């Protein structure tokens, strides 16, 4: 009888160990073992693309595996999002997501992706715009621009790339919070909006800091304020809008890494650790800040909360403007 009981204990122990062995071995499998791709929903040369390539370069050095950037522009980054959402959840296909992950469903019907298809890994970089005016506009500060707009309701014109664009979001939030009225002039091309604000056909435009730098330095545009909650390292002498309009924050350049929702927590944790470490390096920080960005390197939970907050903030604005999915 004792021998029988001992055998049961032995078999029970083997059963427990064998039951644990497969997951344990699986968890211990090296990652990555082959090249990784980061899919970007915008063309090469954009700030999104730059962020992906800089991050990819650092990940390549850390992983010892090539990290390839794949540009899949189209459908307001919907094509890239769908590609990653439908890919195998093995950590080898990553998405450099944008603000669209939080707001696109409030602007467009029948999107080819859903946020629930993705697991957040890390919010990597935030990038603000700089509200700028033609040098002939008699306003040099945020308060002076507000006063001018209040004195001429609907007469001050600003350029945008249309509904949901960075310029649209930046200035419609500014209008709502400052309680002013400015007229939106939509453009098909950002370059034409920039040309028109320099030429005086429109008075206001908020380019991203990278493209704004040469025009600000040459005096072709006058900077009023950056749209981030705090001043940008690249333009430390330019105040933020929030210094005059408390609570204003429109860093519409949102760049974070997401993976298919069924990706294992072990892989997500590894990716997050490497990205967080990269975000603390001087090279990554200096390169991002020189282009007007702010390095974040958040946890998955913080990134998810950030997207929730952005959804609530812009959803409130869209409701005020009567905007519904088109």
Protein backbone atom coordinates (compact mmCIF):
# COMPACT_ATOMS: atom_id res chain seq x y z
CA UNK A 1 0.00 0.00 0.00
CA UNK A 2 2.77 2.42 0.90
CA UNK A 3 4.55 1.57 -2.30
CA UNK A 4 1.34 2.26 -4.24
CA UNK A 5 0.92 5.63 -2.51
CA UNK A 6 4.51 6.56 -3.25
CA UNK A 7 4.02 5.72 -6.91
CA UNK A 8 0.91 7.93 -7.01
CA UNK A 9 2.87 10.79 -5.49
CA UNK A 10 5.64 10.26 -8.03
CA UNK A 11 3.25 10.16 -10.97
CA UNK A 12 1.43 13.20 -9.58
CA UNK A 13 4.69 15.12 -9.36
CA UNK A 14 5.63 14.14 -12.92
CA UNK A 15 2.20 15.19 -14.14
CA UNK A 16 2.56 18.61 -12.49
CA UNK A 17 6.06 19.09 -13.85
CA UNK A 18 5.08 17.99 -17.35
CA UNK A 19 2.07 20.29 -17.23
CA UNK A 20 4.37 23.21 -16.44
CA UNK A 21 7.17 22.29 -18.75
CA UNK A 22 5.58 23.29 -22.07
CA UNK A 23 4.64 26.85 -21.07
CA UNK A 24 7.90 27.29 -19.21
CA UNK A 25 9.91 26.19 -22.22
CA UNK A 26 7.75 28.33 -24.48
CA UNK A 27 8.29 31.38 -22.29
CA UNK A 28 12.02 30.76 -22.37
CA UNK A 29 12.20 30.65 -26.17
CA UNK A 30 14.48 33.42 -27.45
CA UNK A 31 12.84 36.48 -28.98
CA UNK A 32 13.46 37.73 -31.53
CA UNK A 33 14.93 35.00 -33.72
CA UNK A 34 14.33 36.72 -37.07
CA UNK A 35 13.81 40.25 -38.48
CA UNK A 36 10.96 42.41 -37.15
CA UNK A 37 8.95 44.86 -39.20
CA UNK A 38 7.40 48.12 -38.02
CA UNK A 39 4.46 49.11 -40.23
CA UNK A 40 3.86 52.85 -40.71
CA UNK A 41 0.65 54.25 -42.14
CA UNK A 42 2.34 57.27 -43.71
CA UNK A 43 4.88 57.92 -46.45
CA UNK A 44 8.65 58.04 -46.06
CA UNK A 45 9.99 61.40 -44.90
CA UNK A 46 7.15 62.17 -42.51
CA UNK A 47 7.66 62.65 -38.77
CA UNK A 48 5.93 59.30 -38.21
CA UNK A 49 8.38 57.63 -40.57
CA UNK A 50 11.37 59.34 -38.91
CA UNK A 51 10.24 58.13 -35.49
CA UNK A 52 9.83 54.56 -36.73
CA UNK A 53 13.25 54.52 -38.39
CA UNK A 54 15.01 55.99 -35.37
CA UNK A 55 13.33 53.48 -33.07
CA UNK A 56 14.03 50.65 -35.52
CA UNK A 57 17.71 51.54 -35.63
CA UNK A 58 17.98 51.32 -31.84
CA UNK A 59 15.96 48.10 -31.65
CA UNK A 60 18.19 46.53 -34.30
CA UNK A 61 21.24 47.27 -32.18
CA UNK A 62 19.64 45.83 -29.05
CA UNK A 63 18.02 42.75 -30.57
CA UNK A 64 20.79 41.80 -32.98
CA UNK A 65 18.06 41.35 -35.59
CA UNK A 66 17.13 43.70 -38.40
CA UNK A 67 14.08 45.88 -37.77
CA UNK A 68 12.59 46.83 -41.13
CA UNK A 69 10.27 49.80 -41.69
CA UNK A 70 7.35 49.14 -44.03
CA UNK A 71 5.39 52.17 -45.24
CA UNK A 72 1.73 51.41 -45.99
CA UNK A 73 0.01 54.79 -46.47
CA UNK A 74 -3.66 55.01 -47.32
CA UNK A 75 -7.14 55.34 -45.80
CA UNK A 76 -5.86 57.65 -43.05
CA UNK A 77 -3.43 54.92 -41.90
CA UNK A 78 -6.27 52.38 -41.97
CA UNK A 79 -4.41 50.10 -44.38
CA UNK A 80 -1.41 49.83 -42.06
CA UNK A 81 -3.61 49.32 -39.03
CA UNK A 82 -5.56 46.53 -40.72
CA UNK A 83 -2.40 44.81 -41.94
CA UNK A 84 -0.98 44.64 -38.39
CA UNK A 85 -4.32 43.81 -36.80
CA UNK A 86 -4.67 40.80 -39.11
CA UNK A 87 -1.06 39.63 -38.76
CA UNK A 88 0.17 36.72 -36.65
CA UNK A 89 0.46 37.71 -32.99
CA UNK A 90 4.08 36.62 -32.63
CA UNK A 91 5.88 39.92 -32.01
CA UNK A 92 7.35 40.16 -35.51
CA UNK A 93 4.88 42.70 -36.92
CA UNK A 94 4.54 45.96 -34.99
CA UNK A 95 2.50 49.07 -35.71
CA UNK A 96 3.68 52.61 -35.16
CA UNK A 97 0.25 53.96 -34.29
CA UNK A 98 -0.95 57.55 -34.50
CA UNK A 99 -3.68 59.65 -32.88
CA UNK A 100 -6.05 57.99 -35.34
CA UNK A 101 -6.08 54.93 -33.10
CA UNK A 102 -8.11 57.00 -30.61
CA UNK A 103 -10.24 59.23 -32.84
CA UNK A 104 -10.70 57.76 -36.34
CA UNK A 105 -13.87 55.85 -35.44
CA UNK A 106 -15.48 59.16 -34.41
CA UNK A 107 -14.77 60.65 -37.84
CA UNK A 108 -15.21 57.82 -40.33
CA UNK A 109 -17.63 54.96 -40.83
CA UNK A 110 -16.70 51.41 -41.85
CA UNK A 111 -13.06 51.60 -40.83
CA UNK A 112 -10.96 48.55 -41.73
CA UNK A 113 -9.65 48.27 -38.16
CA UNK A 114 -10.76 48.48 -34.54
CA UNK A 115 -8.71 49.55 -31.53
CA UNK A 116 -9.72 46.38 -29.69
CA UNK A 117 -7.66 44.42 -32.25
CA UNK A 118 -4.47 45.86 -30.76
CA UNK A 119 -2.49 45.67 -27.53
CA UNK A 120 -0.52 48.80 -26.59
CA UNK A 121 3.19 48.41 -25.90
CA UNK A 122 4.49 51.94 -25.38
CA UNK A 123 3.70 55.54 -26.24
CA UNK A 124 7.10 56.50 -27.63
CA UNK A 125 6.95 60.15 -28.74
CA UNK A 126 4.60 63.13 -28.67
CA UNK A 127 5.06 65.98 -31.14
CA UNK A 128 3.27 69.34 -30.96
CA UNK A 129 2.63 71.97 -33.57
CA UNK A 130 3.41 75.66 -33.33
CA UNK A 131 0.56 78.09 -33.93
CA UNK A 132 2.06 80.64 -36.31
CA UNK A 133 0.88 83.75 -38.12
CA UNK A 134 1.84 85.80 -41.13
CA UNK A 135 4.29 88.51 -39.97
CA UNK A 136 1.80 91.16 -40.99
CA UNK A 137 -0.77 90.00 -38.43
CA UNK A 138 -0.80 92.40 -35.45
CA UNK A 139 -0.43 89.68 -32.82
CA UNK A 140 2.76 88.42 -31.18
CA UNK A 141 1.32 86.47 -28.25
CA UNK A 142 -1.52 84.03 -27.63
CA UNK A 143 -3.51 86.67 -25.78
CA UNK A 144 -3.04 89.19 -28.59
CA UNK A 145 -4.25 86.61 -31.13
CA UNK A 146 -7.30 85.89 -28.95
CA UNK A 147 -8.02 89.62 -28.64
CA UNK A 148 -7.68 90.09 -32.39
CA UNK A 149 -10.05 87.21 -33.13
CA UNK A 150 -12.60 88.54 -30.64
CA UNK A 151 -12.42 91.98 -32.24
CA UNK A 152 -12.99 90.47 -35.70
CA UNK A 153 -15.26 87.41 -35.25
CA UNK A 154 -14.94 85.02 -38.19
CA UNK A 155 -12.55 87.31 -40.07
CA UNK A 156 -9.30 85.61 -39.08
CA UNK A 157 -8.73 82.67 -41.43
CA UNK A 158 -6.68 79.58 -40.69
CA UNK A 159 -5.53 76.79 -42.97
CA UNK A 160 -6.05 73.08 -42.43
CA UNK A 161 -5.94 69.81 -44.34
CA UNK A 162 -9.60 69.22 -43.52
CA UNK A 163 -11.64 67.33 -40.95
CA UNK A 164 -9.55 65.51 -38.38
CA UNK A 165 -6.22 66.87 -39.62
CA UNK A 166 -3.60 68.07 -37.18
CA UNK A 167 -4.24 71.74 -38.01
CA UNK A 168 -8.01 71.26 -37.71
CA UNK A 169 -7.73 69.63 -34.29
CA UNK A 170 -5.16 72.12 -33.00
CA UNK A 171 -7.09 75.24 -33.94
CA UNK A 172 -10.63 74.04 -33.36
CA UNK A 173 -9.64 73.11 -29.79
CA UNK A 174 -8.00 76.51 -29.46
CA UNK A 175 -11.14 78.23 -30.71
CA UNK A 176 -13.37 76.29 -28.33
CA UNK A 177 -11.23 76.83 -25.23
CA UNK A 178 -10.43 80.49 -25.97
CA UNK A 179 -14.06 81.16 -26.97
CA UNK A 180 -13.16 82.78 -30.28
CA UNK A 181 -14.29 82.39 -33.89
CA UNK A 182 -11.86 81.85 -36.77
CA UNK A 183 -12.73 80.64 -40.25
CA UNK A 184 -11.28 77.33 -41.44
CA UNK A 185 -9.89 77.24 -45.00
CA UNK A 186 -9.33 73.60 -46.00
CA UNK A 187 -6.48 72.68 -48.34
CA UNK A 188 -5.71 69.49 -50.21
CA UNK A 189 -1.98 69.99 -49.67
CA UNK A 190 -0.22 71.21 -46.56
CA UNK A 191 2.39 72.92 -48.73
CA UNK A 192 -0.27 75.20 -50.22
CA UNK A 193 -1.56 76.17 -46.77
CA UNK A 194 1.98 77.06 -45.71
CA UNK A 195 2.51 79.08 -48.89
CA UNK A 196 -0.75 80.95 -48.35
CA UNK A 197 -0.05 81.87 -44.72
CA UNK A 198 3.37 83.20 -45.74
CA UNK A 199 1.73 85.05 -48.64
CA UNK A 200 -1.00 86.55 -46.45
CA UNK A 201 -4.01 84.82 -48.07
CA UNK A 202 -4.70 83.25 -44.67
CA UNK A 203 -3.51 84.56 -41.34
CA UNK A 204 -2.90 81.48 -39.16
CA UNK A 205 -1.44 78.02 -39.60
CA UNK A 206 0.03 75.50 -37.10
CA UNK A 207 2.83 73.53 -38.81
CA UNK A 208 4.72 70.84 -36.96
CA UNK A 209 7.95 72.04 -35.40
CA UNK A 210 10.23 70.29 -37.89
CA UNK A 211 8.75 71.97 -40.95
CA UNK A 212 8.25 75.25 -39.07
CA UNK A 213 11.88 75.76 -38.01
CA UNK A 214 13.26 77.18 -41.30
CA UNK A 215 10.26 79.49 -41.77
CA UNK A 216 10.42 80.77 -38.20
CA UNK A 217 14.16 81.40 -38.37
CA UNK A 218 13.84 83.25 -41.68
CA UNK A 219 11.00 85.42 -40.38
CA UNK A 220 8.53 84.19 -42.98
CA UNK A 221 6.27 83.05 -40.13
CA UNK A 222 5.88 84.43 -36.63
CA UNK A 223 5.51 81.85 -33.86
CA UNK A 224 2.74 82.46 -31.36
CA UNK A 225 2.79 79.34 -29.15
CA UNK A 226 3.47 75.61 -29.17
CA UNK A 227 0.48 73.33 -28.73
CA UNK A 228 1.98 70.92 -26.17
CA UNK A 229 1.15 71.23 -22.47
CA UNK A 230 4.70 72.47 -21.83
CA UNK A 231 7.27 74.36 -23.87
CA UNK A 232 9.17 72.38 -26.49
CA UNK A 233 12.89 71.76 -25.97
CA UNK A 234 13.52 72.79 -29.59
CA UNK A 235 11.86 76.20 -29.04
CA UNK A 236 12.38 76.98 -25.34
CA UNK A 237 11.64 80.69 -25.77
CA UNK A 238 8.23 80.09 -27.34
CA UNK A 239 5.46 79.75 -24.73
CA UNK A 240 2.86 77.02 -24.80
CA UNK A 241 -0.79 77.86 -25.45
CA UNK A 242 -1.59 76.48 -22.00
CA UNK A 243 0.29 79.37 -20.36
CA UNK A 244 -2.58 81.59 -21.55
CA UNK A 245 -5.37 79.03 -22.00
CA UNK A 246 -5.11 76.69 -18.97
CA UNK A 247 -5.63 73.02 -19.78
CA UNK A 248 -4.96 73.33 -23.50
CA UNK A 249 -2.92 70.43 -24.87
CA UNK A 250 -2.92 69.41 -28.52
CA UNK A 251 0.13 67.28 -29.19
CA UNK A 252 -1.46 65.72 -32.23
CA UNK A 253 1.73 63.95 -33.26
CA UNK A 254 1.20 60.72 -31.31
CA UNK A 255 3.61 57.87 -32.02
CA UNK A 256 3.33 54.60 -30.15
CA UNK A 257 4.00 50.91 -30.70
CA UNK A 258 1.08 48.47 -30.77
CA UNK A 259 0.87 44.75 -31.56
CA UNK A 260 -1.96 42.34 -32.41
CA UNK A 261 -4.12 41.84 -29.34
CA UNK A 262 -3.29 38.14 -28.89
CA UNK A 263 0.45 38.77 -28.60
CA UNK A 264 1.86 37.14 -25.46
CA UNK A 265 2.49 39.24 -22.39
CA UNK A 266 6.10 37.99 -22.35
CA UNK A 267 6.75 39.51 -25.80
CA UNK A 268 4.93 42.74 -24.94
CA UNK A 269 7.00 43.02 -21.75
CA UNK A 270 10.24 42.48 -23.68
CA UNK A 271 9.35 45.06 -26.31
CA UNK A 272 8.32 47.56 -23.65
CA UNK A 273 11.55 47.09 -21.71
CA UNK A 274 13.70 47.71 -24.78
CA UNK A 275 11.66 50.75 -25.88
CA UNK A 276 11.72 52.25 -22.39
CA UNK A 277 15.49 51.78 -22.24
CA UNK A 278 15.90 53.36 -25.69
CA UNK A 279 13.78 56.34 -24.61
CA UNK A 280 16.28 57.03 -21.84
CA UNK A 281 19.30 57.12 -24.15
CA UNK A 282 20.85 60.49 -24.94
CA UNK A 283 21.01 59.80 -28.68
CA UNK A 284 17.31 58.97 -29.03
CA UNK A 285 16.25 61.87 -26.79
CA UNK A 286 18.47 64.40 -28.57
CA UNK A 287 17.35 63.37 -32.04
CA UNK A 288 13.66 63.48 -31.12
CA UNK A 289 13.90 66.80 -29.27
CA UNK A 290 15.90 68.42 -32.07
CA UNK A 291 12.87 67.81 -34.28
CA UNK A 292 10.45 69.25 -31.75
CA UNK A 293 9.25 66.00 -30.18
CA UNK A 294 8.93 64.87 -26.58
CA UNK A 295 10.17 61.41 -25.61
CA UNK A 296 7.73 59.42 -23.46
CA UNK A 297 8.50 55.68 -23.35
CA UNK A 298 5.35 54.82 -21.39
CA UNK A 299 4.13 51.49 -20.03
CA UNK A 300 1.37 49.60 -21.89
CA UNK A 301 -1.13 50.61 -19.21
CA UNK A 302 -0.16 54.28 -19.47
CA UNK A 303 -0.43 54.19 -23.27
CA UNK A 304 -3.89 52.66 -23.07
CA UNK A 305 -4.98 55.34 -20.56
CA UNK A 306 -3.56 58.03 -22.84
CA UNK A 307 -5.63 56.77 -25.79
CA UNK A 308 -8.74 56.72 -23.58
CA UNK A 309 -8.09 60.33 -22.53
CA UNK A 310 -7.53 61.46 -26.13
CA UNK A 311 -10.74 59.74 -27.19
CA UNK A 312 -12.66 61.59 -24.46
CA UNK A 313 -11.03 64.98 -25.18
CA UNK A 314 -11.55 64.97 -28.93
CA UNK A 315 -14.93 63.26 -28.65
CA UNK A 316 -16.12 66.18 -26.52
CA UNK A 317 -14.89 68.66 -29.13
CA UNK A 318 -16.51 66.74 -32.00
CA UNK A 319 -19.80 66.70 -30.10
CA UNK A 320 -19.60 70.48 -29.61
CA UNK A 321 -18.93 70.93 -33.34
CA UNK A 322 -21.70 68.52 -34.33
CA UNK A 323 -19.24 66.21 -36.09
CA UNK A 324 -20.45 62.67 -36.76
CA UNK A 325 -18.77 59.76 -38.57
CA UNK A 326 -18.87 60.24 -42.33
